[in-house]
C-alpha cells in the first residue's frame, strides 16, 4: 500500500450537523429581508410588499428549482441560484432592477452570516490539529458556506467550493482540483464524507481511499473504502492503514484491502 500524504474532508454533516443551521439560515435570512424591506419602504412612504414569510419562501424555492433546470451548469452554485431567484422575486414585486440587486445582495450577506454559525463536533478541532501535523488537509464542499469564515477554516489551507467550479460532487473536478493544489496523487490521498454518491464513490473511482461516515453496516464496501459512524473514529482507520503500509514495506509485498 502507498503512503498516505493528504486527507480531504467534506464539511456539512461530516464535521458538524448541518440540518439545524440550514433551517435557521433559510428562515432567518428571508425574515430579515422582509423586515428590512418593510422598514425601507415605509420610510419612503411606499406600499408594503405582498410577500409573506411562508408564501414568499415557497416562491423563492420554486424560482431556485426552476433556475437550476433552466441553467443546469449552475445547478450546484447555490449562491448564484439564490441571488438570481431573489432578484427576480423582488422585481416581480415592483422593485426597480437596481433596488432588487441591492436587496438580494444584502439578503445573501445575511444568509452567509447565519450559514457560518455552525457548531463543529466537539472532537473535530482537536482531530484536525493532530492530523495537520502528519498530513496535508483540504476541504471539498457542495455547500455554499463561506469557506474562509467557517469555524474550522484555519485547518484547511486548501478549500474547494465545488459549486463555484460549476462542477458539484460527484463530479471529479473538485477532487482533482484539491489534489492538484496539494500536489498529491490520488493514491496518496483519502477523502472523508457522509454521502455515498457525492463523497465515497467519486473518491474511490479516482483511486483515493474513502471514509464513509454512516450508521449503515449492511452495505458491502468496494476496495479502499472504509466505514465509520462518526468522524472521531477516523484515527482508527488511519492507524489500520499505517500498520498495513508498514507491513507491506517490511515484507516487500503488495497490500490489498
Protein backbone atom coordinates (compact mmCIF):
# COMPACT_ATOMS: atom_id res chain seq x y z
CA UNK A 1 0.00 0.00 0.00
CA UNK A 2 1.24 3.52 -0.85
CA UNK A 3 1.85 6.05 1.90
CA UNK A 4 -1.00 8.41 2.75
CA UNK A 5 0.01 12.07 2.38
CA UNK A 6 -3.25 14.05 2.29
CA UNK A 7 -6.81 13.92 3.62
CA UNK A 8 -9.71 15.86 2.14
CA UNK A 9 -12.91 16.43 4.08
CA UNK A 10 -16.50 17.12 3.25
CA UNK A 11 -17.88 19.69 5.72
CA UNK A 12 -21.67 19.57 6.21
CA UNK A 13 -22.80 16.51 8.18
CA UNK A 14 -19.18 15.35 8.34
CA UNK A 15 -17.52 17.84 10.68
CA UNK A 16 -20.78 19.26 12.03
CA UNK A 17 -24.52 18.61 11.98
CA UNK A 18 -25.89 20.75 9.17
CA UNK A 19 -29.65 20.29 9.49
CA UNK A 20 -30.28 22.79 12.27
CA UNK A 21 -28.09 25.56 10.91
CA UNK A 22 -29.63 25.32 7.43
CA UNK A 23 -33.15 25.53 8.83
CA UNK A 24 -32.22 28.63 10.87
CA UNK A 25 -30.38 30.19 7.94
CA UNK A 26 -33.19 29.52 5.48
CA UNK A 27 -35.83 31.04 7.71
CA UNK A 28 -33.64 33.76 9.20
CA UNK A 29 -32.24 35.44 6.10
CA UNK A 30 -35.64 35.63 4.45
CA UNK A 31 -37.29 37.03 7.58
CA UNK A 32 -34.50 39.63 7.76
CA UNK A 33 -35.14 40.58 4.12
CA UNK A 34 -38.89 41.08 4.58
CA UNK A 35 -38.46 43.10 7.79
CA UNK A 36 -35.70 45.29 6.36
CA UNK A 37 -37.63 45.88 3.16
CA UNK A 38 -40.79 46.75 5.06
CA UNK A 39 -38.94 49.39 7.09
CA UNK A 40 -37.23 50.76 3.96
CA UNK A 41 -40.47 51.07 2.01
CA UNK A 42 -42.29 52.60 4.97
CA UNK A 43 -39.59 55.26 5.30
CA UNK A 44 -40.07 56.05 1.61
CA UNK A 45 -43.85 56.07 2.07
CA UNK A 46 -44.19 53.20 -0.39
CA UNK A 47 -46.83 50.47 -0.06
CA UNK A 48 -45.94 47.26 1.76
CA UNK A 49 -44.93 44.21 -0.22
CA UNK A 50 -47.42 41.40 -0.73
CA UNK A 51 -44.78 38.80 0.15
CA UNK A 52 -45.23 36.77 3.33
CA UNK A 53 -42.72 34.61 5.14
CA UNK A 54 -44.40 31.34 4.17
CA UNK A 55 -45.62 32.20 0.69
CA UNK A 56 -42.52 34.18 -0.21
CA UNK A 57 -40.15 31.40 0.82
CA UNK A 58 -42.14 28.85 -1.18
CA UNK A 59 -41.99 31.09 -4.27
CA UNK A 60 -38.27 31.65 -3.63
CA UNK A 61 -37.70 27.87 -3.55
CA UNK A 62 -39.66 27.31 -6.74
CA UNK A 63 -37.71 30.02 -8.53
CA UNK A 64 -34.41 28.39 -7.48
CA UNK A 65 -35.58 25.00 -8.67
CA UNK A 66 -36.70 26.43 -12.00
CA UNK A 67 -33.40 28.24 -12.47
CA UNK A 68 -31.49 25.02 -11.78
CA UNK A 69 -33.42 23.38 -14.62
CA UNK A 70 -33.01 26.31 -16.97
CA UNK A 71 -29.28 26.75 -16.30
CA UNK A 72 -28.10 23.22 -15.44
CA UNK A 73 -24.43 24.18 -15.38
CA UNK A 74 -25.27 26.36 -12.37
CA UNK A 75 -27.31 23.74 -10.51
CA UNK A 76 -24.64 23.35 -7.83
CA UNK A 77 -23.85 27.06 -7.44
CA UNK A 78 -26.37 27.68 -4.69
CA UNK A 79 -25.33 31.28 -4.01
CA UNK A 80 -25.88 32.19 -7.66
CA UNK A 81 -29.26 30.44 -7.70
CA UNK A 82 -30.37 32.25 -4.54
CA UNK A 83 -29.21 35.65 -5.77
CA UNK A 84 -30.94 35.33 -9.14
CA UNK A 85 -34.13 33.95 -7.57
CA UNK A 86 -34.33 36.79 -5.05
CA UNK A 87 -33.65 39.40 -7.70
CA UNK A 88 -36.45 38.03 -9.89
CA UNK A 89 -38.87 37.77 -6.97
CA UNK A 90 -38.25 41.34 -5.86
CA UNK A 91 -38.56 42.71 -9.38
CA UNK A 92 -41.87 40.84 -9.68
CA UNK A 93 -42.95 42.69 -6.53
CA UNK A 94 -42.33 46.01 -8.26
CA UNK A 95 -38.83 46.91 -7.12
CA UNK A 96 -36.58 48.53 -9.67
CA UNK A 97 -33.76 46.43 -11.08
CA UNK A 98 -31.15 48.33 -9.07
CA UNK A 99 -33.14 48.02 -5.83
CA UNK A 100 -33.72 44.31 -6.43
CA UNK A 101 -30.00 43.75 -6.95
CA UNK A 102 -29.16 45.72 -3.79
CA UNK A 103 -31.64 43.90 -1.56
CA UNK A 104 -30.85 40.44 -2.96
CA UNK A 105 -27.15 41.02 -2.23
CA UNK A 106 -27.98 42.27 1.27
CA UNK A 107 -30.13 39.20 1.94
CA UNK A 108 -27.31 36.92 0.82
CA UNK A 109 -24.91 38.72 3.17
CA UNK A 110 -27.30 37.86 5.98
CA UNK A 111 -27.54 34.30 4.64
CA UNK A 112 -23.78 33.86 4.83
CA UNK A 113 -23.61 35.44 8.29
CA UNK A 114 -26.07 32.85 9.57
CA UNK A 115 -24.66 29.99 7.48
CA UNK A 116 -21.26 30.03 9.17
CA UNK A 117 -22.79 29.74 12.64
CA UNK A 118 -22.19 26.00 12.67
CA UNK A 119 -21.11 24.06 15.73
CA UNK A 120 -18.37 21.56 14.86
CA UNK A 121 -18.43 18.20 16.57
CA UNK A 122 -16.56 18.54 19.90
CA UNK A 123 -13.77 16.28 18.66
CA UNK A 124 -13.32 17.98 15.26
CA UNK A 125 -10.84 20.76 16.05
CA UNK A 126 -8.58 18.54 18.14
CA UNK A 127 -8.64 15.83 15.50
CA UNK A 128 -7.74 18.24 12.70
CA UNK A 129 -4.98 19.79 14.80
CA UNK A 130 -3.37 16.35 15.20
CA UNK A 131 -3.87 15.39 11.56
CA UNK A 132 -2.35 18.59 10.21
CA UNK A 133 0.96 17.60 11.82
CA UNK A 134 1.13 14.47 9.66
CA UNK A 135 -0.98 15.11 6.56
CA UNK A 136 -1.91 17.90 4.20
CA UNK A 137 -5.57 18.77 4.65
CA UNK A 138 -8.22 20.19 2.34
CA UNK A 139 -11.96 20.79 2.40
CA UNK A 140 -14.27 19.97 -0.51
CA UNK A 141 -17.90 21.01 -0.19
CA UNK A 142 -21.02 21.35 -2.31
CA UNK A 143 -22.43 23.72 0.30
CA UNK A 144 -22.41 27.47 -0.13
CA UNK A 145 -20.86 28.19 3.24
CA UNK A 146 -18.29 31.00 3.29
CA UNK A 147 -15.17 28.82 3.43
CA UNK A 148 -12.85 31.44 4.95
CA UNK A 149 -15.32 32.25 7.74
CA UNK A 150 -16.38 28.77 8.86
CA UNK A 151 -15.00 27.88 12.32
CA UNK A 152 -12.54 25.23 11.14
CA UNK A 153 -11.11 27.27 8.26
CA UNK A 154 -7.65 27.53 9.84
CA UNK A 155 -7.09 23.80 9.35
CA UNK A 156 -7.78 23.90 5.61
CA UNK A 157 -5.22 25.86 3.57
CA UNK A 158 -6.94 24.38 0.53
CA UNK A 159 -10.73 24.74 0.43
CA UNK A 160 -12.83 23.96 -2.63
CA UNK A 161 -16.39 25.22 -3.15
CA UNK A 162 -17.45 22.76 -5.82
CA UNK A 163 -20.49 24.75 -6.92
CA UNK A 164 -18.32 27.73 -7.79
CA UNK A 165 -16.34 25.46 -10.11
CA UNK A 166 -19.67 24.64 -11.82
CA UNK A 167 -18.81 21.02 -11.03
CA UNK A 168 -20.53 19.88 -7.83
CA UNK A 169 -19.66 16.50 -6.37
CA UNK A 170 -19.86 13.72 -7.55
CA UNK A 171 -18.08 15.37 -10.49
CA UNK A 172 -14.36 14.50 -10.11
CA UNK A 173 -13.27 18.09 -10.81
CA UNK A 174 -13.32 19.38 -7.20
CA UNK A 175 -11.38 16.33 -6.01
CA UNK A 176 -8.80 16.71 -8.77
CA UNK A 177 -8.57 20.45 -8.12
CA UNK A 178 -7.88 19.86 -4.43
CA UNK A 179 -5.28 17.19 -5.18
CA UNK A 180 -3.57 19.45 -7.71
CA UNK A 181 -3.31 22.27 -5.17
CA UNK A 182 -1.93 19.82 -2.62
CA UNK A 183 0.40 18.35 -5.25
CA UNK A 184 -0.63 14.84 -4.18
CA UNK A 185 -1.60 11.91 -6.40
CA UNK A 186 -4.99 10.24 -5.75
CA UNK A 187 -3.42 7.01 -4.48
CA UNK A 188 -1.71 9.01 -1.72
CA UNK A 189 -4.92 10.69 -0.57
CA UNK A 190 -8.08 9.96 1.38
CA UNK A 191 -11.49 11.65 1.30
CA UNK A 192 -13.84 11.67 4.29
CA UNK A 193 -17.55 12.37 3.87
CA UNK A 194 -21.10 11.32 4.67
CA UNK A 195 -22.52 10.88 1.16
CA UNK A 196 -22.11 7.58 -0.67
CA UNK A 197 -22.88 9.16 -4.04
CA UNK A 198 -21.13 12.52 -3.65
CA UNK A 199 -18.15 11.64 -1.46
CA UNK A 200 -17.33 7.95 -1.40
CA UNK A 201 -17.85 6.77 -4.99
CA UNK A 202 -16.10 9.64 -6.82
CA UNK A 203 -13.11 9.50 -4.47
CA UNK A 204 -12.83 5.71 -4.72
CA UNK A 205 -13.14 5.80 -8.51
CA UNK A 206 -10.25 8.27 -8.69
CA UNK A 207 -8.05 5.85 -6.77
CA UNK A 208 -8.29 7.60 -3.41
CA UNK A 209 -9.10 5.95 -0.13
CA UNK A 210 -12.56 6.96 1.05
CA UNK A 211 -14.01 7.00 4.53
CA UNK A 212 -17.80 6.89 4.65
CA UNK A 213 -19.47 8.34 7.74
CA UNK A 214 -22.61 6.28 8.03
CA UNK A 215 -24.59 4.29 10.57
CA UNK A 216 -25.40 1.69 7.91
CA UNK A 217 -23.49 -1.53 8.37
CA UNK A 218 -25.06 -3.92 5.88
CA UNK A 219 -23.71 -2.45 2.64
CA UNK A 220 -20.66 -4.19 1.17
CA UNK A 221 -17.71 -1.89 0.61
CA UNK A 222 -15.52 -1.74 -2.51
CA UNK A 223 -11.73 -1.64 -2.29
CA UNK A 224 -10.18 1.33 -0.46
CA UNK A 225 -13.48 2.27 1.22
CA UNK A 226 -13.82 2.27 4.99
CA UNK A 227 -16.87 2.95 7.11
CA UNK A 228 -17.13 4.76 10.45
CA UNK A 229 -20.14 6.04 12.39
CA UNK A 230 -18.56 9.38 13.41
CA UNK A 231 -15.54 11.42 12.36
CA UNK A 232 -13.98 10.85 15.81
CA UNK A 233 -13.36 7.24 14.69
CA UNK A 234 -11.10 8.33 11.82
CA UNK A 235 -7.82 7.74 13.76
CA UNK A 236 -8.71 4.04 13.97
CA UNK A 237 -8.84 3.82 10.16
CA UNK A 238 -5.60 5.75 9.78
CA UNK A 239 -3.86 3.52 12.30
CA UNK A 240 -5.02 0.43 10.42
CA UNK A 241 -3.79 1.81 7.08
CA UNK A 242 -0.46 2.87 8.54
CA UNK A 243 0.04 -0.57 10.01
CA UNK A 244 -0.78 -2.17 6.66
CA UNK A 245 1.65 0.17 4.92
CA UNK A 246 4.45 -0.75 7.32
CA UNK A 247 3.77 -4.46 6.90
CA UNK A 248 3.86 -4.09 3.13
CA UNK A 249 7.11 -2.14 3.33
CA UNK A 250 8.79 -4.73 5.53
CA UNK A 251 7.57 -7.72 3.52
CA UNK A 252 8.10 -6.15 0.12
CA UNK A 253 4.67 -7.44 -0.88
CA UNK A 254 1.51 -5.83 -2.17
CA UNK A 255 -1.31 -4.97 0.20
CA UNK A 256 -4.90 -5.25 -0.94
CA UNK A 257 -7.94 -4.20 1.10
